[in-house]
Structure formats: structure tokens, C-alpha cells
Amino acid sequence: MNTVSEGFMAFMKESGAVGDAFMALTKTESEKSALDEKTQELAYIAVLAATRMSGGLGFHVTRAKQLGATRDEVKSALLVGLPAVGLAVTENFALALSAYDAP
């Protein structure tokens, strides 16, 4: 399963300095975070689910798994936003778990 979306790949290819600046921002945010990498990924999965953003979900689920996140931790992260945004968090539930279950 290719975990980087076509949209993101096109953005990085076509946006030049904007894409470079975005990646620099993400790198700095990650390096300065007080969260460990696995927790950071789980938190990001929760945000993606709550905002119905499917593009990066496969990538971040795969990354969380590589960092030692269990399937149950990923499911819990997907559900974090349920009280705040309701069933919107279920929009990409199957996609996220498919990414986790992929070899």
C-alpha cells in the first residue's frame, strides 16, 4: 500500500519553495515537540480523523506502527475526537486500519 497520497506527492513536486517551507515547518515542529515520536503520530492521527483528512492518514498510521503503536492504540487515536466532532471520525476508520494491517 502506497501510504503517501497522490495529492501530497503532486504538492511537493509542483509547489517549489512552498513545499520546502512546509517540510521545514513540519520538521521543526516535530523536533521541538515535547511528545515522543509515537505519541506525536497518534496525536496527528487523531487530528486527521477529526478533520476528515484522509490524504496523510495511511502514511501516519504506518509510521505509528513502525514506532511501536499497537492496532488498539491506533483505533483509540482515531476515536479521540468522537465527543467533540461526532461520527466524522469514522469517515476514515477503515482506511486507517487497512493501512495498519498492510504488511
Protein backbone atom coordinates (compact mmCIF):
# COMPACT_ATOMS: atom_id res chain seq x y z
CA MET A 1 0.00 0.00 0.00
CA ASN A 2 1.43 3.37 -1.02
CA THR A 3 0.97 5.48 2.08
CA VAL A 4 1.81 8.90 0.59
CA SER A 5 -1.18 10.39 -1.22
CA GLU A 6 -1.03 11.46 -4.85
CA GLY A 7 -2.15 14.91 -3.79
CA PHE A 8 0.76 15.34 -1.40
CA MET A 9 3.26 13.99 -3.91
CA ALA A 10 1.94 16.46 -6.52
CA PHE A 11 2.09 19.29 -3.97
CA MET A 12 5.73 18.53 -3.18
CA LYS A 13 6.65 18.19 -6.85
CA GLU A 14 4.87 21.31 -8.08
CA SER A 15 4.97 23.81 -5.20
CA GLY A 16 8.71 24.51 -5.13
CA ALA A 17 9.72 26.72 -2.21
CA VAL A 18 6.29 26.43 -0.60
CA GLY A 19 6.65 22.65 -0.31
CA ASP A 20 10.17 23.07 1.02
CA ALA A 21 8.94 25.57 3.62
CA PHE A 22 6.11 23.23 4.62
CA MET A 23 8.55 20.36 5.15
CA ALA A 24 10.89 22.62 7.15
CA LEU A 25 7.96 23.66 9.35
CA THR A 26 6.93 20.03 9.93
CA LYS A 27 10.49 19.02 10.75
CA THR A 28 10.94 21.89 13.23
CA GLU A 29 7.58 21.23 14.89
CA SER A 30 8.44 17.56 15.28
CA GLU A 31 11.94 18.23 16.63
CA LYS A 32 10.67 20.76 19.19
CA SER A 33 7.71 18.69 20.37
CA ALA A 34 7.70 17.52 23.97
CA LEU A 35 5.92 14.37 22.77
CA ASP A 36 7.80 11.24 21.86
CA GLU A 37 7.55 10.23 18.19
CA LYS A 38 4.92 7.51 18.66
CA THR A 39 2.67 9.78 20.74
CA GLN A 40 3.14 12.58 18.18
CA GLU A 41 2.00 10.25 15.39
CA LEU A 42 -1.01 9.04 17.39
CA ALA A 43 -1.99 12.64 18.13
CA TYR A 44 -1.68 13.51 14.45
CA ILE A 45 -3.85 10.53 13.52
CA ALA A 46 -6.49 11.86 15.93
CA VAL A 47 -6.37 15.28 14.24
CA LEU A 48 -6.58 13.78 10.75
CA ALA A 49 -9.59 11.67 11.75
CA ALA A 50 -11.35 14.62 13.41
CA THR A 51 -10.81 16.84 10.37
CA ARG A 52 -11.72 14.08 7.89
CA MET A 53 -8.37 14.33 6.15
CA SER A 54 -7.63 11.01 4.52
CA GLY A 55 -4.63 12.02 2.42
CA GLY A 56 -1.95 11.56 5.06
CA LEU A 57 -3.69 9.01 7.20
CA GLY A 58 -2.10 5.91 5.68
CA PHE A 59 1.37 7.42 5.97
CA HIS A 60 0.94 8.42 9.62
CA VAL A 61 -0.69 5.13 10.64
CA THR A 62 2.18 3.23 9.03
CA ARG A 63 4.68 5.49 10.77
CA ALA A 64 2.95 5.00 14.15
CA LYS A 65 3.07 1.23 13.62
CA GLN A 66 6.78 1.42 12.79
CA LEU A 67 7.28 3.33 16.05
CA GLY A 68 5.58 0.55 18.03
CA ALA A 69 1.95 1.66 18.14
CA THR A 70 -0.49 -1.21 18.50
CA ARG A 71 -3.63 -1.56 16.42
CA ASP A 72 -5.67 -0.77 19.55
CA GLU A 73 -3.67 2.43 20.09
CA VAL A 74 -4.38 3.49 16.52
CA LYS A 75 -8.10 2.75 16.99
CA SER A 76 -8.10 4.77 20.21
CA ALA A 77 -6.36 7.67 18.45
CA LEU A 78 -8.98 7.58 15.69
CA LEU A 79 -11.71 7.85 18.32
CA VAL A 80 -10.20 10.69 20.39
CA GLY A 81 -12.25 13.32 18.58
CA LEU A 82 -15.57 11.44 18.82
CA PRO A 83 -17.00 13.53 21.69
CA ALA A 84 -16.02 16.81 20.00
CA VAL A 85 -16.82 16.16 16.34
CA GLY A 86 -19.06 13.11 16.45
CA LEU A 87 -19.15 10.39 13.84
CA ALA A 88 -16.93 12.37 11.49
CA VAL A 89 -14.04 10.42 13.00
CA THR A 90 -15.43 7.23 11.46
CA GLU A 91 -15.09 8.51 7.88
CA ASN A 92 -11.58 7.13 7.53
CA PHE A 93 -11.67 4.37 10.14
CA ALA A 94 -11.49 1.54 7.58
CA LEU A 95 -8.75 3.29 5.60
CA ALA A 96 -6.61 3.73 8.71
CA LEU A 97 -6.99 0.15 9.86
CA SER A 98 -6.27 -1.14 6.34
CA ALA A 99 -3.03 0.84 6.40
CA TYR A 100 -2.18 -0.64 9.78
CA ASP A 101 -2.92 -4.19 8.64
CA ALA A 102 -0.89 -3.88 5.42
CA PRO A 103 2.41 -5.77 5.51
